[in-house]
Amino acid sequence: MRASGMVVVPMAQLLPRQTLNISLSLALAPAQVSYSIFSQRINMSEINVQRIYWHSRRGMLELDLLLMPFAREVFPSLSEAEQLLYQDFLEQEDQDLFVWLMERGQPAQARFTPIIEQILAHSRKVD
């Protein structure tokens, strides 16, 4: 949709029930594109954190109690590599996450072990 020189893009998967307004100028380099949600300027890393928090909501109480506090309190302080690993971790099936986080099994991909250990360590600190 176009309205007064602004492109409005619904971002249902990124931020459900919200709209991301993207103001574009052809003279600007891609890094200079500004994003605003409800007239509040934010950068892409903040959108990423919101997206991660949303995807940490799994709808299974046991997972929500572990993942949501981790996403809110620890994810922003992780290194970029750890953040990417957590994003990949969230793409796994809920049943697998449950088994791993309840320590009933190990992931087939050993690369998830460090993030699982961090999630569980954070949970133990909070308790």
Protein backbone atom coordinates (compact mmCIF):
# COMPACT_ATOMS: atom_id res chain seq x y z
CA MET A 1 0.00 0.00 0.00
CA ARG A 2 1.17 3.53 -0.65
CA ALA A 3 0.07 6.51 1.37
CA SER A 4 1.72 9.92 1.03
CA GLY A 5 5.09 8.61 -0.12
CA MET A 6 5.28 5.92 2.55
CA VAL A 7 5.22 2.18 2.03
CA VAL A 8 3.28 0.25 4.68
CA VAL A 9 4.30 -3.38 4.95
CA PRO A 10 2.34 -5.76 7.20
CA MET A 11 4.81 -7.88 9.10
CA ALA A 12 2.49 -10.52 10.55
CA GLN A 13 5.24 -13.06 11.15
CA LEU A 14 7.70 -10.55 12.56
CA LEU A 15 5.40 -8.60 14.83
CA PRO A 16 1.89 -10.05 14.85
CA ARG A 17 -0.96 -7.58 14.61
CA GLN A 18 1.37 -4.65 14.14
CA THR A 19 2.43 -2.80 11.02
CA LEU A 20 5.96 -1.78 10.16
CA ASN A 21 6.11 1.53 8.29
CA ILE A 22 9.20 1.78 6.11
CA SER A 23 10.12 5.20 4.72
CA LEU A 24 12.33 4.86 1.66
CA SER A 25 14.23 7.38 -0.37
CA LEU A 26 15.88 6.29 -3.60
CA ALA A 27 18.83 8.55 -2.85
CA LEU A 28 19.63 6.75 0.41
CA ALA A 29 21.92 3.77 0.76
CA PRO A 30 20.26 0.67 2.28
CA ALA A 31 21.95 1.33 5.63
CA GLN A 32 20.24 4.72 5.80
CA VAL A 33 16.69 3.40 5.52
CA SER A 34 14.71 4.27 8.64
CA TYR A 35 12.17 2.00 10.25
CA SER A 36 9.44 3.04 12.63
CA ILE A 37 6.81 1.15 14.53
CA PHE A 38 3.94 3.32 15.77
CA SER A 39 6.09 6.42 15.20
CA GLN A 40 8.78 5.12 17.56
CA ARG A 41 12.14 4.81 15.82
CA ILE A 42 13.91 1.53 16.42
CA ASN A 43 16.77 -0.22 14.71
CA MET A 44 16.81 -3.69 13.19
CA SER A 45 18.57 -5.25 16.18
CA GLU A 46 15.65 -4.18 18.40
CA ILE A 47 13.21 -5.73 15.93
CA ASN A 48 15.31 -8.88 16.01
CA VAL A 49 15.10 -9.02 19.83
CA GLN A 50 11.31 -8.61 19.66
CA ARG A 51 11.13 -11.32 17.03
CA ILE A 52 13.27 -13.67 19.12
CA TYR A 53 11.13 -13.01 22.18
CA TRP A 54 8.00 -13.77 20.15
CA HIS A 55 9.46 -17.01 18.78
CA SER A 56 10.51 -18.02 22.30
CA ARG A 57 6.81 -18.29 23.12
CA ARG A 58 6.13 -21.90 22.31
CA GLY A 59 2.71 -22.46 23.85
CA MET A 60 4.06 -25.24 26.05
CA LEU A 61 4.32 -24.03 29.65
CA GLU A 62 7.55 -25.86 30.43
CA LEU A 63 9.29 -24.34 27.40
CA ASP A 64 7.82 -20.87 27.94
CA LEU A 65 9.10 -20.80 31.53
CA LEU A 66 12.63 -21.50 30.29
CA LEU A 67 12.81 -19.71 26.94
CA MET A 68 10.94 -16.46 27.53
CA PRO A 69 13.04 -15.26 30.50
CA PHE A 70 16.20 -16.34 28.67
CA ALA A 71 15.19 -14.38 25.56
CA ARG A 72 14.27 -11.30 27.57
CA GLU A 73 17.18 -11.27 30.03
CA VAL A 74 20.11 -13.03 28.31
CA PHE A 75 19.66 -12.95 24.52
CA PRO A 76 20.55 -9.24 24.09
CA SER A 77 23.90 -9.80 25.84
CA LEU A 78 24.89 -12.87 23.80
CA SER A 79 27.59 -12.63 21.15
CA GLU A 80 26.41 -12.51 17.55
CA ALA A 81 27.40 -16.16 17.04
CA GLU A 82 25.43 -17.20 20.14
CA GLN A 83 22.42 -15.18 19.00
CA LEU A 84 22.48 -16.94 15.63
CA LEU A 85 22.77 -20.29 17.40
CA TYR A 86 19.74 -19.43 19.57
CA GLN A 87 17.78 -18.47 16.44
CA ASP A 88 18.64 -21.84 14.89
CA PHE A 89 17.72 -23.54 18.15
CA LEU A 90 14.26 -21.94 18.06
CA GLU A 91 13.65 -23.40 14.60
CA GLN A 92 13.68 -26.93 16.06
CA GLU A 93 10.49 -28.83 16.88
CA ASP A 94 8.86 -28.21 20.26
CA GLN A 95 9.06 -31.90 21.14
CA ASP A 96 12.82 -31.88 20.59
CA LEU A 97 13.28 -28.69 22.62
CA PHE A 98 11.25 -30.22 25.43
CA VAL A 99 13.38 -33.39 25.52
CA TRP A 100 16.63 -31.42 25.47
CA LEU A 101 15.61 -28.81 28.03
CA MET A 102 14.14 -31.40 30.40
CA GLU A 103 17.50 -33.20 30.07
CA ARG A 104 15.88 -36.39 28.82
CA GLY A 105 18.04 -36.56 25.71
CA GLN A 106 20.84 -34.90 23.77
CA PRO A 107 20.44 -33.06 20.46
CA ALA A 108 21.68 -34.87 17.37
CA GLN A 109 23.48 -31.63 16.49
CA ALA A 110 26.02 -31.10 19.27
CA ARG A 111 26.23 -27.41 18.37
CA PHE A 112 23.02 -26.85 20.37
CA THR A 113 24.55 -28.17 23.61
CA PRO A 114 26.14 -24.84 24.68
CA ILE A 115 22.91 -22.86 24.24
CA ILE A 116 20.93 -25.55 26.09
CA GLU A 117 23.44 -25.33 28.96
CA GLN A 118 23.09 -21.52 29.03
CA ILE A 119 19.28 -21.72 29.09
CA LEU A 120 19.33 -24.25 31.92
CA ALA A 121 21.97 -22.29 33.88
CA HIS A 122 19.89 -19.13 33.58
CA SER A 123 16.81 -21.00 34.75
CA ARG A 124 18.65 -22.28 37.82
CA LYS A 125 19.81 -18.73 38.69
CA VAL A 126 16.25 -17.43 38.53
CA ASP A 127 14.86 -20.26 40.65
